[in-house]
Amino acid sequence: MFVKPAPGLKIRDPELKDLIPDEGRNVSDDDLYWHRRLRDGDVVLVEKSNASAVAQPARNIGSEQS
C-alpha cells in the first residue's frame, strides 16, 4: 500500500530507519505498524492511479482494407 504522512506530521519508517517523504512511500500491506498508523490518522492511504498511461485503441487486423 502507498501511504503518506498526515498533514503536519513526520512519520518514521521502522524498517528503513528514516522519515517517510511528504510525497509518500510504498509500505508492506500486512505490517500491523502501518495499519495502526492508518487507524490512528498518522498516515493517509493514497490510491495510486495510472493517470500517466494513455489508452490506445486496439487495432483490428482482420478489418484492415488494402
PDB file of N, CA and C in Angstrom:
ATOM      1  N   MET A   1       0.846  -1.171   0.000  1.00  0.00           N
ATOM      2  CA  MET A   1       0.000   0.000   0.000  1.00  0.00           C
ATOM      3  C   MET A   1       0.893   1.236   0.000  1.00  0.00           C
ATOM      4  N   PHE A   2       0.358   2.317  -0.507  1.00  0.00           N
ATOM      5  CA  PHE A   2       1.116   3.560  -0.609  1.00  0.00           C
ATOM      6  C   PHE A   2       0.532   4.542   0.399  1.00  0.00           C
ATOM      7  N   VAL A   3       1.369   5.014   1.321  1.00  0.00           N
ATOM      8  CA  VAL A   3       0.914   5.938   2.361  1.00  0.00           C
ATOM      9  C   VAL A   3       1.783   7.184   2.368  1.00  0.00           C
ATOM     10  N   LYS A   4       1.201   8.261   2.876  1.00  0.00           N
ATOM     11  CA  LYS A   4       1.970   9.486   3.099  1.00  0.00           C
ATOM     12  C   LYS A   4       1.591  10.028   4.469  1.00  0.00           C
ATOM     13  N   PRO A   5       2.479  10.802   5.079  1.00  0.00           N
ATOM     14  CA  PRO A   5       2.172  11.334   6.410  1.00  0.00           C
ATOM     15  C   PRO A   5       0.952  12.251   6.378  1.00  0.00           C
ATOM     16  N   ALA A   6       0.180  12.224   7.439  1.00  0.00           N
ATOM     17  CA  ALA A   6      -0.933  13.160   7.567  1.00  0.00           C
ATOM     18  C   ALA A   6      -0.350  14.570   7.627  1.00  0.00           C
ATOM     19  N   PRO A   7      -1.119  15.576   7.197  1.00  0.00           N
ATOM     20  CA  PRO A   7      -0.603  16.951   7.185  1.00  0.00           C
ATOM     21  C   PRO A   7      -0.035  17.368   8.539  1.00  0.00           C
ATOM     22  N   GLY A   8       1.173  17.911   8.496  1.00  0.00           N
ATOM     23  CA  GLY A   8       1.829  18.410   9.690  1.00  0.00           C
ATOM     24  C   GLY A   8       2.599  17.374  10.496  1.00  0.00           C
ATOM     25  N   LEU A   9       2.592  16.116  10.055  1.00  0.00           N
ATOM     26  CA  LEU A   9       3.275  15.063  10.810  1.00  0.00           C
ATOM     27  C   LEU A   9       4.505  14.546  10.077  1.00  0.00           C
ATOM     28  N   LYS A  10       5.460  14.065  10.852  1.00  0.00           N
ATOM     29  CA  LYS A  10       6.636  13.368  10.333  1.00  0.00           C
ATOM     30  C   LYS A  10       6.570  11.956  10.898  1.00  0.00           C
ATOM     31  N   ILE A  11       6.543  10.966  10.032  1.00  0.00           N
ATOM     32  CA  ILE A  11       6.388   9.578  10.462  1.00  0.00           C
ATOM     33  C   ILE A  11       7.638   8.784  10.105  1.00  0.00           C
ATOM     34  N   ARG A  12       8.170   8.091  11.091  1.00  0.00           N
ATOM     35  CA  ARG A  12       9.372   7.280  10.890  1.00  0.00           C
ATOM     36  C   ARG A  12       8.995   5.899  10.351  1.00  0.00           C
ATOM     37  N   ASP A  13       9.771   5.443   9.365  1.00  0.00           N
ATOM     38  CA  ASP A  13       9.629   4.093   8.830  1.00  0.00           C
ATOM     39  C   ASP A  13      10.519   3.186   9.672  1.00  0.00           C
ATOM     40  N   PRO A  14       9.939   2.258  10.450  1.00  0.00           N
ATOM     41  CA  PRO A  14      10.756   1.430  11.340  1.00  0.00           C
ATOM     42  C   PRO A  14      11.662   0.457  10.593  1.00  0.00           C
ATOM     43  N   GLU A  15      11.320   0.160   9.358  1.00  0.00           N
ATOM     44  CA  GLU A  15      12.128  -0.773   8.580  1.00  0.00           C
ATOM     45  C   GLU A  15      13.359  -0.092   7.988  1.00  0.00           C
ATOM     46  N   LEU A  16      13.165   1.096   7.420  1.00  0.00           N
ATOM     47  CA  LEU A  16      14.268   1.808   6.763  1.00  0.00           C
ATOM     48  C   LEU A  16      14.964   2.807   7.683  1.00  0.00           C
ATOM     49  N   LYS A  17      14.405   3.033   8.865  1.00  0.00           N
ATOM     50  CA  LYS A  17      15.003   3.928   9.869  1.00  0.00           C
ATOM     51  C   LYS A  17      15.140   5.368   9.381  1.00  0.00           C
ATOM     52  N   ASP A  18      14.149   5.824   8.610  1.00  0.00           N
ATOM     53  CA  ASP A  18      14.138   7.218   8.173  1.00  0.00           C
ATOM     54  C   ASP A  18      12.706   7.726   8.181  1.00  0.00           C
ATOM     55  N   LEU A  19      12.537   9.002   7.851  1.00  0.00           N
ATOM     56  CA  LEU A  19      11.199   9.587   7.796  1.00  0.00           C
ATOM     57  C   LEU A  19      10.588   9.334   6.429  1.00  0.00           C
ATOM     58  N   ILE A  20       9.292   9.087   6.420  1.00  0.00           N
ATOM     59  CA  ILE A  20       8.589   8.923   5.152  1.00  0.00           C
ATOM     60  C   ILE A  20       8.527  10.282   4.472  1.00  0.00           C
ATOM     61  N   PRO A  21       8.873  10.359   3.183  1.00  0.00           N
ATOM     62  CA  PRO A  21       8.793  11.643   2.492  1.00  0.00           C
ATOM     63  C   PRO A  21       7.346  12.146   2.419  1.00  0.00           C
ATOM     64  N   ASP A  22       7.191  13.458   2.296  1.00  0.00           N
ATOM     65  CA  ASP A  22       5.851  14.047   2.199  1.00  0.00           C
ATOM     66  C   ASP A  22       5.087  13.516   0.993  1.00  0.00           C
ATOM     67  N   GLU A  23       5.813  13.079  -0.042  1.00  0.00           N
ATOM     68  CA  GLU A  23       5.180  12.537  -1.244  1.00  0.00           C
ATOM     69  C   GLU A  23       4.640  11.135  -1.007  1.00  0.00           C
ATOM     70  N   GLY A  24       5.112  10.475   0.043  1.00  0.00           N
ATOM     71  CA  GLY A  24       4.635   9.145   0.383  1.00  0.00           C
ATOM     72  C   GLY A  24       5.629   8.054   0.044  1.00  0.00           C
ATOM     73  N   ARG A  25       5.257   6.842   0.427  1.00  0.00           N
ATOM     74  CA  ARG A  25       6.133   5.684   0.212  1.00  0.00           C
ATOM     75  C   ARG A  25       5.280   4.419   0.163  1.00  0.00           C
ATOM     76  N   ASN A  26       5.741   3.461  -0.606  1.00  0.00           N
ATOM     77  CA  ASN A  26       5.109   2.155  -0.654  1.00  0.00           C
ATOM     78  C   ASN A  26       5.577   1.348   0.554  1.00  0.00           C
ATOM     79  N   VAL A  27       4.625   0.817   1.332  1.00  0.00           N
ATOM     80  CA  VAL A  27       4.952   0.042   2.527  1.00  0.00           C
ATOM     81  C   VAL A  27       4.222  -1.297   2.465  1.00  0.00           C
ATOM     82  N   SER A  28       4.596  -2.188   3.340  1.00  0.00           N
ATOM     83  CA  SER A  28       4.033  -3.539   3.363  1.00  0.00           C
ATOM     84  C   SER A  28       2.549  -3.519   3.731  1.00  0.00           C
ATOM     85  N   ASP A  29       1.742  -4.243   2.958  1.00  0.00           N
ATOM     86  CA  ASP A  29       0.303  -4.329   3.217  1.00  0.00           C
ATOM     87  C   ASP A  29      -0.021  -5.082   4.501  1.00  0.00           C
ATOM     88  N   ASP A  30       0.821  -6.024   4.883  1.00  0.00           N
ATOM     89  CA  ASP A  30       0.498  -6.880   6.018  1.00  0.00           C
ATOM     90  C   ASP A  30       1.229  -6.504   7.307  1.00  0.00           C
ATOM     91  N   ASP A  31       1.819  -5.318   7.353  1.00  0.00           N
ATOM     92  CA  ASP A  31       2.540  -4.869   8.547  1.00  0.00           C
ATOM     93  C   ASP A  31       1.563  -4.160   9.489  1.00  0.00           C
ATOM     94  N   LEU A  32       1.415  -4.695  10.692  1.00  0.00           N
ATOM     95  CA  LEU A  32       0.475  -4.117  11.658  1.00  0.00           C
ATOM     96  C   LEU A  32       0.841  -2.696  12.052  1.00  0.00           C
ATOM     97  N   TYR A  33       2.127  -2.356  12.007  1.00  0.00           N
ATOM     98  CA  TYR A  33       2.558  -0.993  12.323  1.00  0.00           C
ATOM     99  C   TYR A  33       1.837   0.005  11.426  1.00  0.00           C
ATOM    100  N   TRP A  34       1.792  -0.254  10.129  1.00  0.00           N
ATOM    101  CA  TRP A  34       1.171   0.684   9.187  1.00  0.00           C
ATOM    102  C   TRP A  34      -0.345   0.699   9.332  1.00  0.00           C
ATOM    103  N   HIS A  35      -0.938  -0.430   9.674  1.00  0.00           N
ATOM    104  CA  HIS A  35      -2.384  -0.447   9.910  1.00  0.00           C
ATOM    105  C   HIS A  35      -2.737   0.373  11.157  1.00  0.00           C
ATOM    106  N   ARG A  36      -1.881   0.322  12.173  1.00  0.00           N
ATOM    107  CA  ARG A  36      -2.107   1.171  13.361  1.00  0.00           C
ATOM    108  C   ARG A  36      -1.950   2.642  13.015  1.00  0.00           C
ATOM    109  N   ARG A  37      -0.951   2.985  12.220  1.00  0.00           N
ATOM    110  CA  ARG A  37      -0.752   4.386  11.816  1.00  0.00           C
ATOM    111  C   ARG A  37      -1.968   4.878  11.033  1.00  0.00           C
ATOM    112  N   LEU A  38      -2.509   4.032  10.146  1.00  0.00           N
ATOM    113  CA  LEU A  38      -3.716   4.408   9.397  1.00  0.00           C
ATOM    114  C   LEU A  38      -4.896   4.616  10.345  1.00  0.00           C
ATOM    115  N   ARG A  39      -5.104   3.670  11.246  1.00  0.00           N
ATOM    116  CA  ARG A  39      -6.229   3.742  12.184  1.00  0.00           C
ATOM    117  C   ARG A  39      -6.151   4.985  13.056  1.00  0.00           C
ATOM    118  N   ASP A  40      -4.929   5.339  13.472  1.00  0.00           N
ATOM    119  CA  ASP A  40      -4.736   6.497  14.344  1.00  0.00           C
ATOM    120  C   ASP A  40      -4.731   7.823  13.589  1.00  0.00           C
ATOM    121  N   GLY A  41      -4.722   7.774  12.253  1.00  0.00           N
ATOM    122  CA  GLY A  41      -4.734   9.002  11.466  1.00  0.00           C
ATOM    123  C   GLY A  41      -3.367   9.626  11.271  1.00  0.00           C
ATOM    124  N   ASP A  42      -2.307   8.879  11.589  1.00  0.00           N
ATOM    125  CA  ASP A  42      -0.949   9.409  11.426  1.00  0.00           C
ATOM    126  C   ASP A  42      -0.493   9.402   9.972  1.00  0.00           C
ATOM    127  N   VAL A  43      -1.027   8.472   9.181  1.00  0.00           N
ATOM    128  CA  VAL A  43      -0.717   8.419   7.753  1.00  0.00           C
ATOM    129  C   VAL A  43      -2.023   8.365   6.976  1.00  0.00           C
ATOM    130  N   VAL A  44      -1.925   8.701   5.693  1.00  0.00           N
ATOM    131  CA  VAL A  44      -3.078   8.710   4.803  1.00  0.00           C
ATOM    132  C   VAL A  44      -2.813   7.718   3.685  1.00  0.00           C
ATOM    133  N   LEU A  45      -3.781   6.868   3.395  1.00  0.00           N
ATOM    134  CA  LEU A  45      -3.667   5.916   2.304  1.00  0.00           C
ATOM    135  C   LEU A  45      -3.868   6.651   0.988  1.00  0.00           C
ATOM    136  N   VAL A  46      -2.945   6.450   0.061  1.00  0.00           N
ATOM    137  CA  VAL A  46      -3.012   7.125  -1.236  1.00  0.00           C
ATOM    138  C   VAL A  46      -3.312   6.086  -2.297  1.00  0.00           C
ATOM    139  N   GLU A  47      -4.377   6.319  -3.041  1.00  0.00           N
ATOM    140  CA  GLU A  47      -4.705   5.442  -4.160  1.00  0.00           C
ATOM    141  C   GLU A  47      -3.907   5.906  -5.358  1.00  0.00           C
ATOM    142  N   LYS A  48      -2.963   5.089  -5.786  1.00  0.00           N
ATOM    143  CA  LYS A  48      -2.125   5.444  -6.932  1.00  0.00           C
ATOM    144  C   LYS A  48      -2.904   5.135  -8.205  1.00  0.00           C
ATOM    145  N   SER A  49      -3.231   6.175  -8.965  1.00  0.00           N
ATOM    146  CA  SER A  49      -3.934   5.969 -10.228  1.00  0.00           C
ATOM    147  C   SER A  49      -2.922   5.900 -11.354  1.00  0.00           C
ATOM    148  N   ASN A  50      -3.296   5.234 -12.390  1.00  0.00           N
ATOM    149  CA  ASN A  50      -2.419   5.086 -13.540  1.00  0.00           C
ATOM    150  C   ASN A  50      -2.780   6.163 -14.557  1.00  0.00           C
ATOM    151  N   ALA A  51      -2.837   7.417 -14.103  1.00  0.00           N
ATOM    152  CA  ALA A  51      -3.265   8.529 -14.950  1.00  0.00           C
ATOM    153  C   ALA A  51      -2.257   8.846 -16.039  1.00  0.00           C
ATOM    154  N   SER A  52      -1.001   8.491 -15.833  1.00  0.00           N
ATOM    155  CA  SER A  52       0.010   8.818 -16.832  1.00  0.00           C
ATOM    156  C   SER A  52      -0.053   7.886 -18.036  1.00  0.00           C
ATOM    157  N   ALA A  53      -0.707   6.751 -17.880  1.00  0.00           N
ATOM    158  CA  ALA A  53      -0.820   5.821 -19.003  1.00  0.00           C
ATOM    159  C   ALA A  53      -1.963   6.273 -19.905  1.00  0.00           C
ATOM    160  N   VAL A  54      -1.697   6.327 -21.176  1.00  0.00           N
ATOM    161  CA  VAL A  54      -2.707   6.743 -22.140  1.00  0.00           C
ATOM    162  C   VAL A  54      -3.190   5.513 -22.890  1.00  0.00           C
ATOM    163  N   ALA A  55      -4.487   5.301 -22.883  1.00  0.00           N
ATOM    164  CA  ALA A  55      -5.043   4.139 -23.571  1.00  0.00           C
ATOM    165  C   ALA A  55      -5.020   4.372 -25.073  1.00  0.00           C
ATOM    166  N   GLN A  56      -4.560   3.383 -25.787  1.00  0.00           N
ATOM    167  CA  GLN A  56      -4.543   3.426 -27.243  1.00  0.00           C
ATOM    168  C   GLN A  56      -5.618   2.471 -27.752  1.00  0.00           C
ATOM    169  N   PRO A  57      -6.382   2.874 -28.774  1.00  0.00           N
ATOM    170  CA  PRO A  57      -7.398   1.972 -29.311  1.00  0.00           C
ATOM    171  C   PRO A  57      -6.745   0.733 -29.921  1.00  0.00           C
ATOM    172  N   ALA A  58      -7.404  -0.391 -29.743  1.00  0.00           N
ATOM    173  CA  ALA A  58      -6.878  -1.641 -30.296  1.00  0.00           C
ATOM    174  C   ALA A  58      -7.035  -1.642 -31.812  1.00  0.00           C
ATOM    175  N   ARG A  59      -6.071  -2.225 -32.481  1.00  0.00           N
ATOM    176  CA  ARG A  59      -6.129  -2.346 -33.937  1.00  0.00           C
ATOM    177  C   ARG A  59      -6.751  -3.672 -34.289  1.00  0.00           C
ATOM    178  N   ASN A  60      -7.781  -3.649 -35.092  1.00  0.00           N
ATOM    179  CA  ASN A  60      -8.429  -4.871 -35.544  1.00  0.00           C
ATOM    180  C   ASN A  60      -7.798  -5.265 -36.869  1.00  0.00           C
ATOM    181  N   ILE A  61      -6.908  -6.215 -36.824  1.00  0.00           N
ATOM    182  CA  ILE A  61      -6.143  -6.600 -38.013  1.00  0.00           C
ATOM    183  C   ILE A  61      -7.039  -7.198 -39.081  1.00  0.00           C
ATOM    184  N   GLY A  62      -8.091  -7.895 -38.692  1.00  0.00           N
ATOM    185  CA  GLY A  62      -8.962  -8.553 -39.661  1.00  0.00           C
ATOM    186  C   GLY A  62      -9.789  -7.588 -40.491  1.00  0.00           C
ATOM    187  N   SER A  63      -9.969  -6.348 -40.057  1.00  0.00           N
ATOM    188  CA  SER A  63     -10.836  -5.422 -40.786  1.00  0.00           C
ATOM    189  C   SER A  63     -10.059  -4.414 -41.620  1.00  0.00           C
ATOM    190  N   GLU A  64      -8.740  -4.550 -41.695  1.00  0.00           N
ATOM    191  CA  GLU A  64      -7.953  -3.611 -42.495  1.00  0.00           C
ATOM    192  C   GLU A  64      -8.235  -3.819 -43.976  1.00  0.00           C
ATOM    193  N   GLN A  65      -8.365  -2.717 -44.679  1.00  0.00           N
ATOM    194  CA  GLN A  65      -8.591  -2.785 -46.121  1.00  0.00           C
ATOM    195  C   GLN A  65      -7.348  -2.319 -46.839  1.00  0.00           C
ATOM    196  N   SER A  66      -7.032  -2.946 -47.965  1.00  0.00           N
ATOM    197  CA  SER A  66      -5.841  -2.582 -48.729  1.00  0.00           C
ATOM    198  C   SER A  66      -6.136  -1.510 -49.730  1.00  0.00           C
TER     199      SER A  66
END
